[in-house]
């Protein structure tokens, strides 16, 4: 099984991915470790594509993050369509929590406060950009997509996944 948990920054992707990985006994990966290099430097596009392909080529996985290629390779896409104000609040809280350190899953020297203004801009734009594209994809392949407006309990997500 190959699952992509996608959505806005602060939507709860990493948390849900970890929970699903434990319950389903699947390897878990985060695109944050591919998109970013130390010091919040973006990974060059060709390198990112190659690293994404290495993940895609594995027989089973759960990947959290936003990527058209990962969504296309997924058996199930879980889209956390959380309101932007909730995502923004969570991003601010996370920035405070990891103020002087790098949160797990990111390369070294990536404290969130350094990109907080940029992150809040991305969060605010997400529903009209990537979020719209993901909702359109879901219309084309409704059986592969689960759209969750808020994080329901894990049991209900698993039930919906098996029904899809």
C-alpha atoms as a PDB file:
ATOM      1  CA  UNK A   1       0.000   0.000   0.000  1.00  0.00           C
ATOM      2  CA  UNK A   2       1.231   3.496  -0.849  1.00  0.00           C
ATOM      3  CA  UNK A   3      -0.363   6.421   0.964  1.00  0.00           C
ATOM      4  CA  UNK A   4       0.249  10.151   0.661  1.00  0.00           C
ATOM      5  CA  UNK A   5      -0.907  12.384   3.501  1.00  0.00           C
ATOM      6  CA  UNK A   6      -1.028  15.869   2.065  1.00  0.00           C
ATOM      7  CA  UNK A   7      -2.307  19.295   3.028  1.00  0.00           C
ATOM      8  CA  UNK A   8      -1.282  22.723   4.191  1.00  0.00           C
ATOM      9  CA  UNK A   9       1.605  23.360   6.566  1.00  0.00           C
ATOM     10  CA  UNK A  10       0.281  22.906  10.087  1.00  0.00           C
ATOM     11  CA  UNK A  11      -2.617  20.688   8.977  1.00  0.00           C
ATOM     12  CA  UNK A  12      -1.353  17.680  10.940  1.00  0.00           C
ATOM     13  CA  UNK A  13       0.271  15.665   8.146  1.00  0.00           C
ATOM     14  CA  UNK A  14       3.287  14.468  10.116  1.00  0.00           C
ATOM     15  CA  UNK A  15       1.248  13.476  13.150  1.00  0.00           C
ATOM     16  CA  UNK A  16      -1.285  11.506  11.111  1.00  0.00           C
ATOM     17  CA  UNK A  17       1.450   9.911   9.007  1.00  0.00           C
ATOM     18  CA  UNK A  18       3.261   8.647  12.107  1.00  0.00           C
ATOM     19  CA  UNK A  19       0.026   7.234  13.537  1.00  0.00           C
ATOM     20  CA  UNK A  20      -0.897   5.492  10.283  1.00  0.00           C
ATOM     21  CA  UNK A  21       2.618   4.105   9.930  1.00  0.00           C
ATOM     22  CA  UNK A  22       2.455   2.513  13.365  1.00  0.00           C
ATOM     23  CA  UNK A  23      -1.017   1.041  12.888  1.00  0.00           C
ATOM     24  CA  UNK A  24      -0.468  -0.182   9.312  1.00  0.00           C
ATOM     25  CA  UNK A  25       3.173  -1.176   9.882  1.00  0.00           C
ATOM     26  CA  UNK A  26       4.334   0.781   6.832  1.00  0.00           C
ATOM     27  CA  UNK A  27       7.550   2.771   6.415  1.00  0.00           C
ATOM     28  CA  UNK A  28       7.036   6.510   6.916  1.00  0.00           C
ATOM     29  CA  UNK A  29       8.781   9.319   5.057  1.00  0.00           C
ATOM     30  CA  UNK A  30       8.480  13.099   5.125  1.00  0.00           C
ATOM     31  CA  UNK A  31       9.034  15.310   2.113  1.00  0.00           C
ATOM     32  CA  UNK A  32      10.404  18.002   4.445  1.00  0.00           C
ATOM     33  CA  UNK A  33      13.685  16.075   4.509  1.00  0.00           C
ATOM     34  CA  UNK A  34      13.759  16.116   0.699  1.00  0.00           C
ATOM     35  CA  UNK A  35      12.521  19.650   0.025  1.00  0.00           C
ATOM     36  CA  UNK A  36      14.875  21.305   2.534  1.00  0.00           C
ATOM     37  CA  UNK A  37      18.617  21.234   3.080  1.00  0.00           C
ATOM     38  CA  UNK A  38      20.476  22.624   6.123  1.00  0.00           C
ATOM     39  CA  UNK A  39      19.768  26.283   6.851  1.00  0.00           C
ATOM     40  CA  UNK A  40      16.405  26.261   5.033  1.00  0.00           C
ATOM     41  CA  UNK A  41      18.046  26.017   1.634  1.00  0.00           C
ATOM     42  CA  UNK A  42      15.765  24.490  -1.005  1.00  0.00           C
ATOM     43  CA  UNK A  43      16.926  21.289  -2.614  1.00  0.00           C
ATOM     44  CA  UNK A  44      17.630  21.760  -6.339  1.00  0.00           C
ATOM     45  CA  UNK A  45      14.714  20.541  -8.487  1.00  0.00           C
ATOM     46  CA  UNK A  46      16.539  17.671 -10.199  1.00  0.00           C
ATOM     47  CA  UNK A  47      17.876  16.353  -6.910  1.00  0.00           C
ATOM     48  CA  UNK A  48      14.421  16.612  -5.352  1.00  0.00           C
ATOM     49  CA  UNK A  49      12.868  14.684  -8.246  1.00  0.00           C
ATOM     50  CA  UNK A  50      15.494  11.938  -7.960  1.00  0.00           C
ATOM     51  CA  UNK A  51      14.985  11.622  -4.200  1.00  0.00           C
ATOM     52  CA  UNK A  52      11.188  11.550  -4.608  1.00  0.00           C
ATOM     53  CA  UNK A  53      11.576   8.824  -7.234  1.00  0.00           C
ATOM     54  CA  UNK A  54      13.614   6.732  -4.793  1.00  0.00           C
ATOM     55  CA  UNK A  55      10.673   6.859  -2.388  1.00  0.00           C
ATOM     56  CA  UNK A  56       8.100   6.201  -5.124  1.00  0.00           C
ATOM     57  CA  UNK A  57      10.025   3.119  -6.287  1.00  0.00           C
ATOM     58  CA  UNK A  58       9.605   1.405  -2.926  1.00  0.00           C
ATOM     59  CA  UNK A  59       6.768  -1.154  -2.789  1.00  0.00           C
ATOM     60  CA  UNK A  60       4.949   0.383   0.183  1.00  0.00           C
ATOM     61  CA  UNK A  61       5.084   3.618   2.133  1.00  0.00           C
ATOM     62  CA  UNK A  62       3.312   6.509   3.768  1.00  0.00           C
ATOM     63  CA  UNK A  63       4.694   9.871   2.697  1.00  0.00           C
ATOM     64  CA  UNK A  64       3.661  13.179   4.191  1.00  0.00           C
ATOM     65  CA  UNK A  65       3.996  16.280   2.088  1.00  0.00           C
ATOM     66  CA  UNK A  66       2.787  18.055  -1.017  1.00  0.00           C
ATOM     67  CA  UNK A  67       3.945  16.638  -4.346  1.00  0.00           C
ATOM     68  CA  UNK A  68       2.065  15.944  -7.558  1.00  0.00           C
ATOM     69  CA  UNK A  69       4.392  13.023  -8.339  1.00  0.00           C
ATOM     70  CA  UNK A  70       3.838  11.423  -4.940  1.00  0.00           C
ATOM     71  CA  UNK A  71       0.055  11.843  -5.230  1.00  0.00           C
ATOM     72  CA  UNK A  72       0.073  10.258  -8.690  1.00  0.00           C
ATOM     73  CA  UNK A  73       2.035   7.247  -7.394  1.00  0.00           C
ATOM     74  CA  UNK A  74      -0.201   6.783  -4.348  1.00  0.00           C
ATOM     75  CA  UNK A  75      -2.919   4.193  -3.934  1.00  0.00           C
ATOM     76  CA  UNK A  76      -4.653   6.484  -1.435  1.00  0.00           C
ATOM     77  CA  UNK A  77      -4.282  10.236  -0.912  1.00  0.00           C
ATOM     78  CA  UNK A  78      -5.426  11.615   2.436  1.00  0.00           C
ATOM     79  CA  UNK A  79      -5.952  15.368   2.025  1.00  0.00           C
ATOM     80  CA  UNK A  80      -6.125  17.260   5.303  1.00  0.00           C
ATOM     81  CA  UNK A  81      -8.202  20.234   4.173  1.00  0.00           C
ATOM     82  CA  UNK A  82      -7.856  22.168   7.420  1.00  0.00           C
ATOM     83  CA  UNK A  83      -8.853  25.869   7.548  1.00  0.00           C
ATOM     84  CA  UNK A  84      -5.903  28.192   7.017  1.00  0.00           C
ATOM     85  CA  UNK A  85      -6.380  30.032  10.305  1.00  0.00           C
ATOM     86  CA  UNK A  86      -6.011  26.718  12.171  1.00  0.00           C
ATOM     87  CA  UNK A  87      -2.889  25.866  10.173  1.00  0.00           C
ATOM     88  CA  UNK A  88      -1.405  29.319  10.820  1.00  0.00           C
ATOM     89  CA  UNK A  89      -2.019  29.025  14.561  1.00  0.00           C
ATOM     90  CA  UNK A  90      -0.428  25.568  14.643  1.00  0.00           C
ATOM     91  CA  UNK A  91       2.595  26.821  12.677  1.00  0.00           C
ATOM     92  CA  UNK A  92       3.107  29.663  15.152  1.00  0.00           C
ATOM     93  CA  UNK A  93       2.825  27.248  18.096  1.00  0.00           C
ATOM     94  CA  UNK A  94       5.274  24.852  16.449  1.00  0.00           C
ATOM     95  CA  UNK A  95       7.681  27.725  15.784  1.00  0.00           C
ATOM     96  CA  UNK A  96       7.623  28.623  19.475  1.00  0.00           C
ATOM     97  CA  UNK A  97       8.012  24.993  20.554  1.00  0.00           C
ATOM     98  CA  UNK A  98      11.103  24.505  18.378  1.00  0.00           C
ATOM     99  CA  UNK A  99      12.358  28.080  18.678  1.00  0.00           C
ATOM    100  CA  UNK A 100      16.067  27.376  19.194  1.00  0.00           C
ATOM    101  CA  UNK A 101      16.247  23.970  17.575  1.00  0.00           C
ATOM    102  CA  UNK A 102      15.245  22.050  14.510  1.00  0.00           C
ATOM    103  CA  UNK A 103      12.088  19.945  14.753  1.00  0.00           C
ATOM    104  CA  UNK A 104      12.335  16.250  13.990  1.00  0.00           C
ATOM    105  CA  UNK A 105      12.285  15.385  10.289  1.00  0.00           C
ATOM    106  CA  UNK A 106      14.096  18.516   9.119  1.00  0.00           C
ATOM    107  CA  UNK A 107      17.782  18.882   8.217  1.00  0.00           C
ATOM    108  CA  UNK A 108      20.123  20.614  10.688  1.00  0.00           C
ATOM    109  CA  UNK A 109      19.953  24.351  11.304  1.00  0.00           C
ATOM    110  CA  UNK A 110      16.289  24.762  10.360  1.00  0.00           C
ATOM    111  CA  UNK A 111      14.559  26.458  13.298  1.00  0.00           C
ATOM    112  CA  UNK A 112      11.053  27.383  12.172  1.00  0.00           C
ATOM    113  CA  UNK A 113      11.141  30.982  13.379  1.00  0.00           C
ATOM    114  CA  UNK A 114      13.559  31.744  10.533  1.00  0.00           C
ATOM    115  CA  UNK A 115      10.896  31.102   7.904  1.00  0.00           C
ATOM    116  CA  UNK A 116       7.754  31.910   9.884  1.00  0.00           C
ATOM    117  CA  UNK A 117       6.692  34.966   7.801  1.00  0.00           C
ATOM    118  CA  UNK A 118       7.229  32.998   4.585  1.00  0.00           C
ATOM    119  CA  UNK A 119       5.461  29.974   6.061  1.00  0.00           C
ATOM    120  CA  UNK A 120       2.428  32.044   7.053  1.00  0.00           C
ATOM    121  CA  UNK A 121       2.262  33.430   3.507  1.00  0.00           C
ATOM    122  CA  UNK A 122       2.408  29.885   2.084  1.00  0.00           C
ATOM    123  CA  UNK A 123      -0.294  28.750   4.506  1.00  0.00           C
ATOM    124  CA  UNK A 124      -2.583  31.595   3.509  1.00  0.00           C
ATOM    125  CA  UNK A 125      -2.103  30.947  -0.227  1.00  0.00           C
ATOM    126  CA  UNK A 126      -2.382  27.139  -0.037  1.00  0.00           C
ATOM    127  CA  UNK A 127      -6.200  26.780  -0.315  1.00  0.00           C
ATOM    128  CA  UNK A 128      -6.268  28.830  -3.510  1.00  0.00           C
ATOM    129  CA  UNK A 129      -3.230  27.147  -5.084  1.00  0.00           C
ATOM    130  CA  UNK A 130      -2.180  23.600  -4.172  1.00  0.00           C
ATOM    131  CA  UNK A 131      -5.403  22.996  -2.246  1.00  0.00           C
ATOM    132  CA  UNK A 132      -7.519  23.798  -5.289  1.00  0.00           C
ATOM    133  CA  UNK A 133      -5.408  21.490  -7.471  1.00  0.00           C
ATOM    134  CA  UNK A 134      -5.734  18.625  -4.974  1.00  0.00           C
ATOM    135  CA  UNK A 135      -9.519  19.068  -4.764  1.00  0.00           C
ATOM    136  CA  UNK A 136      -9.682  18.969  -8.596  1.00  0.00           C
ATOM    137  CA  UNK A 137      -7.626  15.766  -8.654  1.00  0.00           C
ATOM    138  CA  UNK A 138      -9.996  14.267  -6.089  1.00  0.00           C
ATOM    139  CA  UNK A 139     -12.934  14.933  -8.422  1.00  0.00           C
ATOM    140  CA  UNK A 140     -11.182  12.914 -11.135  1.00  0.00           C
ATOM    141  CA  UNK A 141     -10.329   9.968  -8.845  1.00  0.00           C
ATOM    142  CA  UNK A 142     -12.734  10.096  -5.889  1.00  0.00           C
ATOM    143  CA  UNK A 143     -12.046   6.499  -4.805  1.00  0.00           C
ATOM    144  CA  UNK A 144      -8.367   7.271  -4.199  1.00  0.00           C
ATOM    145  CA  UNK A 145      -8.842  10.487  -2.231  1.00  0.00           C
ATOM    146  CA  UNK A 146     -10.028  11.007   1.326  1.00  0.00           C
ATOM    147  CA  UNK A 147     -10.684  14.663   2.077  1.00  0.00           C
ATOM    148  CA  UNK A 148     -10.756  15.433   5.785  1.00  0.00           C
ATOM    149  CA  UNK A 149     -11.766  18.885   6.986  1.00  0.00           C
ATOM    150  CA  UNK A 150     -10.482  18.181  10.453  1.00  0.00           C
ATOM    151  CA  UNK A 151      -8.548  15.310  11.930  1.00  0.00           C
ATOM    152  CA  UNK A 152     -11.087  12.652  12.892  1.00  0.00           C
ATOM    153  CA  UNK A 153      -9.979   9.799  15.089  1.00  0.00           C
ATOM    154  CA  UNK A 154      -7.590   7.299  13.578  1.00  0.00           C
ATOM    155  CA  UNK A 155     -10.164   4.493  13.596  1.00  0.00           C
ATOM    156  CA  UNK A 156     -12.572   6.428  11.363  1.00  0.00           C
ATOM    157  CA  UNK A 157      -9.761   7.249   8.923  1.00  0.00           C
ATOM    158  CA  UNK A 158      -8.779   3.583   8.703  1.00  0.00           C
ATOM    159  CA  UNK A 159     -12.417   2.620   8.150  1.00  0.00           C
ATOM    160  CA  UNK A 160     -12.745   5.158   5.325  1.00  0.00           C
ATOM    161  CA  UNK A 161      -9.474   3.970   3.774  1.00  0.00           C
ATOM    162  CA  UNK A 162     -10.604   0.359   3.634  1.00  0.00           C
ATOM    163  CA  UNK A 163     -13.934   1.439   2.104  1.00  0.00           C
ATOM    164  CA  UNK A 164     -12.167   3.457  -0.632  1.00  0.00           C
END
